[in-house]
């Protein structure tokens, strides 16, 4: 499955079903740039079991505010539209895989 770029307008539709890892990021954020290839790899590993959605906080401030995002990258695990887990800052692939897999 490909990583999806969500906006304020389509966020609910993209995160309403199944397990979704949401990455709140910005293009100027160093740790966000570091985690991007990790998310690409994880997306390949997860296949159809979970979806990865990226939200640019500069362009989608309403969604970032709704979830209280203060630092980036902030990663939320959502299950059927509800937040079930959260981590802030760069994480290695294994940690992110564990975070997602415990909710599958």
Foldseek 3Di string as FASTA:
>chain_A
DDEAEDALVCVCVVQQAAKEKEWEEAPVDPQVVVCVVLVVVLCVVCPPRYYYYYYDCVRHVVVCVVVVPDAPRKIFIGHNRHTDDIDHTHDGSVVVCVVRVVRD
